[in-house]
Amino acid sequence: MDRQNFLLAMLSGPDLALLEPHLEAVELPVGLVLAEPATTISHAVFIDVGLCSVVSSLAEAGRIEVGLFGRDGMAIPALVLGSDTTPFQMFMQVGGRGRQIPVPALRAAVAASPSLRDLLLRYAQTFLVQVAQTAIANAGATAEERLARWLLMYHDRQDGDDLSVTHEFLAIMLGVRRPTVTVAIHTLEGVGLIRARRGRIRVLSRARLEEVAGRSYGPAEAEYERLIGPLRGSQSAV
């Protein structure tokens, strides 16, 4: 089996044998909802290609992204912790493909293998750190810093430097108004860090984006590398 998903790629032969009979290849088109708040989750999904946003809905403030994952993880980390529901909506922001497995089959495999349980619990820990880091960034970072962080996180989870994203999506992801997103994009573009086109942003200098993001980017990524492995296999933009 071609295992582009990082978690599946790390499995030993015996652990993979526990999951493989139950894994089903699925297309994950943009906009596909993988989980709704307070709704029983039927399948876990391991993404091979694409990007999933974890979004919280606030009555007065609209929607804001609290986390994201792609080939580095799975939907839904709460399953590993024994929960059948999540308070968040999870949807595909960038379409792709992956493998899904019924929740009972996943839990049976986890119960049968301490090493599989350990890997998935380590991933759940990295996701919790990412959510906490997002809250810290939303509370104290500027729009430009948060945009730089978000672009780096997207860049980590795909090959190449072209990122498919609209201003409307970015406004939701960053919890700001669209004009604020436009100003932040123009600021980063004006100093040569990115090139923006309709529905697409190209990363021109990853290193300088990291400088702009500052301390808002890095802790969650370091935790993932410590517990799982490198997030980005190929560095394209310099």
C-alpha atoms as a PDB file:
ATOM      1  CA  MET A   1       0.000   0.000   0.000  1.00  0.00           C
ATOM      2  CA  ASP A   2       1.266   3.470  -0.918  1.00  0.00           C
ATOM      3  CA  ARG A   3       1.335   5.238   2.448  1.00  0.00           C
ATOM      4  CA  GLN A   4       1.658   8.970   1.909  1.00  0.00           C
ATOM      5  CA  ASN A   5       0.064   9.707   5.261  1.00  0.00           C
ATOM      6  CA  PHE A   6       2.878  10.154   7.772  1.00  0.00           C
ATOM      7  CA  LEU A   7       1.173   8.174  10.530  1.00  0.00           C
ATOM      8  CA  LEU A   8       0.391   5.208   8.294  1.00  0.00           C
ATOM      9  CA  ALA A   9       3.904   5.345   6.868  1.00  0.00           C
ATOM     10  CA  MET A  10       5.352   4.937  10.365  1.00  0.00           C
ATOM     11  CA  LEU A  11       3.420   1.774  11.174  1.00  0.00           C
ATOM     12  CA  SER A  12       5.230  -1.507  11.629  1.00  0.00           C
ATOM     13  CA  GLY A  13       4.164  -4.456   9.515  1.00  0.00           C
ATOM     14  CA  PRO A  14       2.060  -6.016  12.296  1.00  0.00           C
ATOM     15  CA  ASP A  15       0.342  -2.703  13.125  1.00  0.00           C
ATOM     16  CA  LEU A  16      -0.427  -2.032   9.477  1.00  0.00           C
ATOM     17  CA  ALA A  17      -1.862  -5.540   9.187  1.00  0.00           C
ATOM     18  CA  LEU A  18      -4.363  -4.654  11.930  1.00  0.00           C
ATOM     19  CA  LEU A  19      -5.615  -1.605  10.016  1.00  0.00           C
ATOM     20  CA  GLU A  20      -5.183  -2.468   6.355  1.00  0.00           C
ATOM     21  CA  PRO A  21      -8.181  -4.824   5.933  1.00  0.00           C
ATOM     22  CA  HIS A  22     -10.461  -2.023   7.144  1.00  0.00           C
ATOM     23  CA  LEU A  23      -8.906   0.944   5.299  1.00  0.00           C
ATOM     24  CA  GLU A  24     -10.910   2.258   2.353  1.00  0.00           C
ATOM     25  CA  ALA A  25      -9.537   4.715  -0.213  1.00  0.00           C
ATOM     26  CA  VAL A  26     -11.689   7.853  -0.372  1.00  0.00           C
ATOM     27  CA  GLU A  27     -11.731  11.068  -2.369  1.00  0.00           C
ATOM     28  CA  LEU A  28     -11.760  14.176  -0.183  1.00  0.00           C
ATOM     29  CA  PRO A  29     -13.103  17.054  -2.306  1.00  0.00           C
ATOM     30  CA  VAL A  30     -12.828  20.654  -1.135  1.00  0.00           C
ATOM     31  CA  GLY A  31     -15.625  21.513   1.251  1.00  0.00           C
ATOM     32  CA  LEU A  32     -16.253  17.918   2.355  1.00  0.00           C
ATOM     33  CA  VAL A  33     -17.227  17.896   6.037  1.00  0.00           C
ATOM     34  CA  LEU A  34     -15.444  15.186   8.029  1.00  0.00           C
ATOM     35  CA  ALA A  35     -17.074  16.036  11.351  1.00  0.00           C
ATOM     36  CA  GLU A  36     -19.866  18.238  12.688  1.00  0.00           C
ATOM     37  CA  PRO A  37     -20.064  19.509  16.278  1.00  0.00           C
ATOM     38  CA  ALA A  38     -21.696  17.129  18.758  1.00  0.00           C
ATOM     39  CA  THR A  39     -22.367  14.527  16.044  1.00  0.00           C
ATOM     40  CA  THR A  40     -21.252  10.916  16.435  1.00  0.00           C
ATOM     41  CA  ILE A  41     -18.138  10.201  14.364  1.00  0.00           C
ATOM     42  CA  SER A  42     -18.398   7.061  12.247  1.00  0.00           C
ATOM     43  CA  HIS A  43     -14.972   6.944  10.577  1.00  0.00           C
ATOM     44  CA  ALA A  44     -11.421   8.046  11.196  1.00  0.00           C
ATOM     45  CA  VAL A  45      -9.751   9.533   8.122  1.00  0.00           C
ATOM     46  CA  PHE A  46      -6.032   9.497   7.332  1.00  0.00           C
ATOM     47  CA  ILE A  47      -5.299  12.192   4.748  1.00  0.00           C
ATOM     48  CA  ASP A  48      -2.753  11.457   2.016  1.00  0.00           C
ATOM     49  CA  VAL A  49      -3.207  14.674   0.035  1.00  0.00           C
ATOM     50  CA  GLY A  50      -5.156  17.771   1.044  1.00  0.00           C
ATOM     51  CA  LEU A  51      -5.729  20.008   4.027  1.00  0.00           C
ATOM     52  CA  CYS A  52      -8.448  19.840   6.674  1.00  0.00           C
ATOM     53  CA  SER A  53      -9.466  22.825   8.804  1.00  0.00           C
ATOM     54  CA  VAL A  54     -10.768  22.510  12.345  1.00  0.00           C
ATOM     55  CA  VAL A  55     -13.173  25.384  12.901  1.00  0.00           C
ATOM     56  CA  SER A  56     -15.015  26.766  15.908  1.00  0.00           C
ATOM     57  CA  SER A  57     -18.253  28.679  15.419  1.00  0.00           C
ATOM     58  CA  LEU A  58     -18.833  31.647  17.705  1.00  0.00           C
ATOM     59  CA  ALA A  59     -22.280  33.232  17.743  1.00  0.00           C
ATOM     60  CA  GLU A  60     -21.017  36.813  17.699  1.00  0.00           C
ATOM     61  CA  ALA A  61     -17.563  36.504  16.170  1.00  0.00           C
ATOM     62  CA  GLY A  62     -18.387  34.093  13.332  1.00  0.00           C
ATOM     63  CA  ARG A  63     -16.027  31.203  12.593  1.00  0.00           C
ATOM     64  CA  ILE A  64     -12.339  30.852  13.351  1.00  0.00           C
ATOM     65  CA  GLU A  65      -9.856  28.081  12.680  1.00  0.00           C
ATOM     66  CA  VAL A  66      -8.431  26.443  15.786  1.00  0.00           C
ATOM     67  CA  GLY A  67      -6.299  23.796  14.060  1.00  0.00           C
ATOM     68  CA  LEU A  68      -5.420  22.115  10.786  1.00  0.00           C
ATOM     69  CA  PHE A  69      -3.905  18.900   9.539  1.00  0.00           C
ATOM     70  CA  GLY A  70      -3.141  17.104   6.317  1.00  0.00           C
ATOM     71  CA  ARG A  71      -0.855  14.185   5.546  1.00  0.00           C
ATOM     72  CA  ASP A  72       0.687  14.674   8.985  1.00  0.00           C
ATOM     73  CA  GLY A  73      -2.362  13.457  10.866  1.00  0.00           C
ATOM     74  CA  MET A  74      -5.839  12.052  11.081  1.00  0.00           C
ATOM     75  CA  ALA A  75      -9.439  12.997  11.662  1.00  0.00           C
ATOM     76  CA  ILE A  76     -10.382  12.965  14.412  1.00  0.00           C
ATOM     77  CA  PRO A  77      -7.684  13.035  17.174  1.00  0.00           C
ATOM     78  CA  ALA A  78     -10.439  12.922  19.814  1.00  0.00           C
ATOM     79  CA  LEU A  79     -11.184   9.341  18.757  1.00  0.00           C
ATOM     80  CA  VAL A  80      -7.848   8.237  20.180  1.00  0.00           C
ATOM     81  CA  LEU A  81      -8.793   9.797  23.516  1.00  0.00           C
ATOM     82  CA  GLY A  82     -12.036   7.845  23.743  1.00  0.00           C
ATOM     83  CA  SER A  83     -14.502  10.480  22.517  1.00  0.00           C
ATOM     84  CA  ASP A  84     -17.115   9.827  19.821  1.00  0.00           C
ATOM     85  CA  THR A  85     -17.822  13.518  19.178  1.00  0.00           C
ATOM     86  CA  THR A  86     -16.010  16.834  18.793  1.00  0.00           C
ATOM     87  CA  PRO A  87     -17.156  20.413  19.504  1.00  0.00           C
ATOM     88  CA  PHE A  88     -15.652  21.559  16.186  1.00  0.00           C
ATOM     89  CA  GLN A  89     -16.465  21.314  12.508  1.00  0.00           C
ATOM     90  CA  MET A  90     -13.790  19.718  10.336  1.00  0.00           C
ATOM     91  CA  PHE A  91     -13.873  20.232   6.585  1.00  0.00           C
ATOM     92  CA  MET A  92     -11.536  19.893   3.640  1.00  0.00           C
ATOM     93  CA  GLN A  93     -10.138  23.295   2.815  1.00  0.00           C
ATOM     94  CA  VAL A  94      -7.892  21.839   0.110  1.00  0.00           C
ATOM     95  CA  GLY A  95      -9.273  18.805  -1.690  1.00  0.00           C
ATOM     96  CA  GLY A  96      -7.359  15.560  -1.947  1.00  0.00           C
ATOM     97  CA  ARG A  97      -7.631  11.915  -1.021  1.00  0.00           C
ATOM     98  CA  GLY A  98      -7.021   9.580   1.865  1.00  0.00           C
ATOM     99  CA  ARG A  99      -8.062   6.387   3.653  1.00  0.00           C
ATOM    100  CA  GLN A 100     -10.935   5.959   6.088  1.00  0.00           C
ATOM    101  CA  ILE A 101     -11.579   3.281   8.672  1.00  0.00           C
ATOM    102  CA  PRO A 102     -14.702   2.603  10.770  1.00  0.00           C
ATOM    103  CA  VAL A 103     -14.242   3.772  14.347  1.00  0.00           C
ATOM    104  CA  PRO A 104     -14.896   0.310  15.890  1.00  0.00           C
ATOM    105  CA  ALA A 105     -12.179  -1.212  13.680  1.00  0.00           C
ATOM    106  CA  LEU A 106      -9.707   1.518  14.649  1.00  0.00           C
ATOM    107  CA  ARG A 107     -10.407   1.071  18.337  1.00  0.00           C
ATOM    108  CA  ALA A 108     -10.089  -2.695  18.109  1.00  0.00           C
ATOM    109  CA  ALA A 109      -6.677  -2.284  16.460  1.00  0.00           C
ATOM    110  CA  VAL A 110      -5.576   0.236  19.081  1.00  0.00           C
ATOM    111  CA  ALA A 111      -6.676  -2.111  21.863  1.00  0.00           C
ATOM    112  CA  ALA A 112      -4.674  -4.942  20.282  1.00  0.00           C
ATOM    113  CA  SER A 113      -1.445  -2.980  19.782  1.00  0.00           C
ATOM    114  CA  PRO A 114       0.317  -0.845  22.409  1.00  0.00           C
ATOM    115  CA  SER A 115       2.691   0.529  19.738  1.00  0.00           C
ATOM    116  CA  LEU A 116      -0.204   1.710  17.544  1.00  0.00           C
ATOM    117  CA  ARG A 117      -1.915   3.264  20.555  1.00  0.00           C
ATOM    118  CA  ASP A 118       1.321   5.019  21.521  1.00  0.00           C
ATOM    119  CA  LEU A 119       1.798   6.506  18.036  1.00  0.00           C
ATOM    120  CA  LEU A 120      -1.755   7.840  17.822  1.00  0.00           C
ATOM    121  CA  LEU A 121      -1.595   9.251  21.348  1.00  0.00           C
ATOM    122  CA  ARG A 122       1.640  11.036  20.454  1.00  0.00           C
ATOM    123  CA  TYR A 123      -0.132  12.540  17.454  1.00  0.00           C
ATOM    124  CA  ALA A 124      -3.042  13.656  19.653  1.00  0.00           C
ATOM    125  CA  GLN A 125      -0.517  15.413  21.892  1.00  0.00           C
ATOM    126  CA  THR A 126       1.012  17.280  18.936  1.00  0.00           C
ATOM    127  CA  PHE A 127      -2.430  18.394  17.810  1.00  0.00           C
ATOM    128  CA  LEU A 128      -3.309  19.685  21.281  1.00  0.00           C
ATOM    129  CA  VAL A 129      -0.086  21.721  21.294  1.00  0.00           C
ATOM    130  CA  GLN A 130      -0.953  23.134  17.861  1.00  0.00           C
ATOM    131  CA  VAL A 131      -4.418  24.191  19.076  1.00  0.00           C
ATOM    132  CA  ALA A 132      -2.874  25.873  22.128  1.00  0.00           C
ATOM    133  CA  GLN A 133      -0.312  27.659  19.954  1.00  0.00           C
ATOM    134  CA  THR A 134      -3.099  28.871  17.666  1.00  0.00           C
ATOM    135  CA  ALA A 135      -4.907  30.377  20.666  1.00  0.00           C
ATOM    136  CA  ILE A 136      -1.700  32.139  21.730  1.00  0.00           C
ATOM    137  CA  ALA A 137      -1.170  33.500  18.200  1.00  0.00           C
ATOM    138  CA  ASN A 138      -4.769  34.682  17.916  1.00  0.00           C
ATOM    139  CA  ALA A 139      -4.496  36.496  21.247  1.00  0.00           C
ATOM    140  CA  GLY A 140      -1.236  38.321  20.738  1.00  0.00           C
ATOM    141  CA  ALA A 141       0.151  38.213  17.183  1.00  0.00           C
ATOM    142  CA  THR A 142      -0.458  40.764  14.459  1.00  0.00           C
ATOM    143  CA  ALA A 143      -2.435  39.884  11.344  1.00  0.00           C
ATOM    144  CA  GLU A 144       0.805  39.705   9.347  1.00  0.00           C
ATOM    145  CA  GLU A 145       2.414  37.360  11.894  1.00  0.00           C
ATOM    146  CA  ARG A 146      -0.654  35.117  11.964  1.00  0.00           C
ATOM    147  CA  LEU A 147      -0.869  35.050   8.168  1.00  0.00           C
ATOM    148  CA  ALA A 148       2.819  34.142   7.925  1.00  0.00           C
ATOM    149  CA  ARG A 149       2.303  31.353  10.480  1.00  0.00           C
ATOM    150  CA  TRP A 150      -0.714  29.975   8.664  1.00  0.00           C
ATOM    151  CA  LEU A 151       1.065  29.970   5.296  1.00  0.00           C
ATOM    152  CA  LEU A 152       4.002  28.134   6.861  1.00  0.00           C
ATOM    153  CA  MET A 153       1.681  25.528   8.362  1.00  0.00           C
ATOM    154  CA  TYR A 154       0.023  24.977   4.982  1.00  0.00           C
ATOM    155  CA  HIS A 155       3.452  24.884   3.291  1.00  0.00           C
ATOM    156  CA  ASP A 156       4.565  22.215   5.779  1.00  0.00           C
ATOM    157  CA  ARG A 157       1.757  19.911   4.695  1.00  0.00           C
ATOM    158  CA  GLN A 158       2.159  19.906   0.926  1.00  0.00           C
ATOM    159  CA  ASP A 159       4.830  19.671  -1.762  1.00  0.00           C
ATOM    160  CA  GLY A 160       5.790  22.738  -3.751  1.00  0.00           C
ATOM    161  CA  ASP A 161       5.334  26.412  -3.022  1.00  0.00           C
ATOM    162  CA  ASP A 162       1.922  27.179  -4.562  1.00  0.00           C
ATOM    163  CA  LEU A 163      -0.875  27.315  -1.996  1.00  0.00           C
ATOM    164  CA  SER A 164      -4.501  27.276  -3.118  1.00  0.00           C
ATOM    165  CA  VAL A 165      -6.441  29.639  -0.848  1.00  0.00           C
ATOM    166  CA  THR A 166      -8.896  32.527  -1.137  1.00  0.00           C
ATOM    167  CA  HIS A 167      -9.150  35.735   0.893  1.00  0.00           C
ATOM    168  CA  GLU A 168     -12.523  34.537   2.171  1.00  0.00           C
ATOM    169  CA  PHE A 169     -11.028  31.319   3.558  1.00  0.00           C
ATOM    170  CA  LEU A 170      -8.124  33.214   5.094  1.00  0.00           C
ATOM    171  CA  ALA A 171     -10.523  35.550   6.879  1.00  0.00           C
ATOM    172  CA  ILE A 172     -12.152  32.511   8.512  1.00  0.00           C
ATOM    173  CA  MET A 173      -8.840  30.859   9.241  1.00  0.00           C
ATOM    174  CA  LEU A 174      -7.410  33.943  10.935  1.00  0.00           C
ATOM    175  CA  GLY A 175     -10.639  35.215  12.514  1.00  0.00           C
ATOM    176  CA  VAL A 176     -10.365  38.646  10.907  1.00  0.00           C
ATOM    177  CA  ARG A 177     -12.296  40.648   8.322  1.00  0.00           C
ATOM    178  CA  ARG A 178     -11.478  40.287   4.644  1.00  0.00           C
ATOM    179  CA  PRO A 179      -9.969  43.787   4.311  1.00  0.00           C
ATOM    180  CA  THR A 180      -7.520  42.904   7.076  1.00  0.00           C
ATOM    181  CA  VAL A 181      -6.469  39.794   5.147  1.00  0.00           C
ATOM    182  CA  THR A 182      -5.981  41.867   1.991  1.00  0.00           C
ATOM    183  CA  VAL A 183      -3.750  44.356   3.807  1.00  0.00           C
ATOM    184  CA  ALA A 184      -1.693  41.553   5.391  1.00  0.00           C
ATOM    185  CA  ILE A 185      -1.222  39.820   2.025  1.00  0.00           C
ATOM    186  CA  HIS A 186      -0.159  43.082   0.377  1.00  0.00           C
ATOM    187  CA  THR A 187       2.320  43.699   3.206  1.00  0.00           C
ATOM    188  CA  LEU A 188       3.990  40.288   2.803  1.00  0.00           C
ATOM    189  CA  GLU A 189       3.912  40.576  -0.976  1.00  0.00           C
ATOM    190  CA  GLY A 190       5.383  44.066  -0.874  1.00  0.00           C
ATOM    191  CA  VAL A 191       8.551  42.830   0.834  1.00  0.00           C
ATOM    192  CA  GLY A 192       8.937  39.860  -1.504  1.00  0.00           C
ATOM    193  CA  LEU A 193       7.906  36.998   0.777  1.00  0.00           C
ATOM    194  CA  ILE A 194       4.936  35.807  -1.286  1.00  0.00           C
ATOM    195  CA  ARG A 195       3.275  36.356  -4.647  1.00  0.00           C
ATOM    196  CA  ALA A 196      -0.522  36.511  -4.579  1.00  0.00           C
ATOM    197  CA  ARG A 197      -2.831  35.685  -7.462  1.00  0.00           C
ATOM    198  CA  ARG A 198      -6.559  35.039  -7.521  1.00  0.00           C
ATOM    199  CA  GLY A 199      -7.174  32.006  -5.327  1.00  0.00           C
ATOM    200  CA  ARG A 200      -3.468  31.208  -4.998  1.00  0.00           C
ATOM    201  CA  ILE A 201      -0.423  32.310  -3.017  1.00  0.00           C
ATOM    202  CA  ARG A 202       3.132  31.344  -3.917  1.00  0.00           C
ATOM    203  CA  VAL A 203       5.742  31.180  -1.157  1.00  0.00           C
ATOM    204  CA  LEU A 204       8.892  32.966  -2.329  1.00  0.00           C
ATOM    205  CA  SER A 205      10.937  32.954   0.877  1.00  0.00           C
ATOM    206  CA  ARG A 206      10.098  30.471   3.602  1.00  0.00           C
ATOM    207  CA  ALA A 207      12.963  31.612   5.818  1.00  0.00           C
ATOM    208  CA  ARG A 208      11.745  35.205   5.812  1.00  0.00           C
ATOM    209  CA  LEU A 209       8.171  34.093   6.455  1.00  0.00           C
ATOM    210  CA  GLU A 210       9.470  32.339   9.551  1.00  0.00           C
ATOM    211  CA  GLU A 211      11.095  35.592  10.634  1.00  0.00           C
ATOM    212  CA  VAL A 212       7.801  37.449  10.248  1.00  0.00           C
ATOM    213  CA  ALA A 213       5.830  34.734  12.075  1.00  0.00           C
ATOM    214  CA  GLY A 214       8.292  34.927  14.964  1.00  0.00           C
ATOM    215  CA  ARG A 215       7.392  32.962  18.094  1.00  0.00           C
ATOM    216  CA  SER A 216       3.875  32.255  16.817  1.00  0.00           C
ATOM    217  CA  TYR A 217       5.375  29.533  14.607  1.00  0.00           C
ATOM    218  CA  GLY A 218       7.672  26.773  15.806  1.00  0.00           C
ATOM    219  CA  PRO A 219       6.643  25.269  19.175  1.00  0.00           C
ATOM    220  CA  ALA A 220       3.919  23.028  17.739  1.00  0.00           C
ATOM    221  CA  GLU A 221       6.148  21.998  14.844  1.00  0.00           C
ATOM    222  CA  ALA A 222       9.002  21.184  17.221  1.00  0.00           C
ATOM    223  CA  GLU A 223       6.644  18.997  19.268  1.00  0.00           C
ATOM    224  CA  TYR A 224       5.556  17.121  16.139  1.00  0.00           C
ATOM    225  CA  GLU A 225       9.169  16.552  15.117  1.00  0.00           C
ATOM    226  CA  ARG A 226      10.046  15.380  18.635  1.00  0.00           C
ATOM    227  CA  LEU A 227       7.185  12.888  18.869  1.00  0.00           C
ATOM    228  CA  ILE A 228       6.495  11.894  15.244  1.00  0.00           C
ATOM    229  CA  GLY A 229       9.090  13.189  12.759  1.00  0.00           C
ATOM    230  CA  PRO A 230       9.747  16.027  10.279  1.00  0.00           C
ATOM    231  CA  LEU A 231       6.645  17.804   9.011  1.00  0.00           C
ATOM    232  CA  ARG A 232       8.088  18.840   5.682  1.00  0.00           C
ATOM    233  CA  GLY A 233      10.147  16.431   3.629  1.00  0.00           C
ATOM    234  CA  SER A 234      11.191  18.794   0.849  1.00  0.00           C
ATOM    235  CA  GLN A 235      12.075  22.426   1.275  1.00  0.00           C
ATOM    236  CA  SER A 236      11.360  24.365  -1.911  1.00  0.00           C
ATOM    237  CA  ALA A 237      11.222  28.078  -1.188  1.00  0.00           C
ATOM    238  CA  VAL A 238      14.360  29.521   0.334  1.00  0.00           C
END
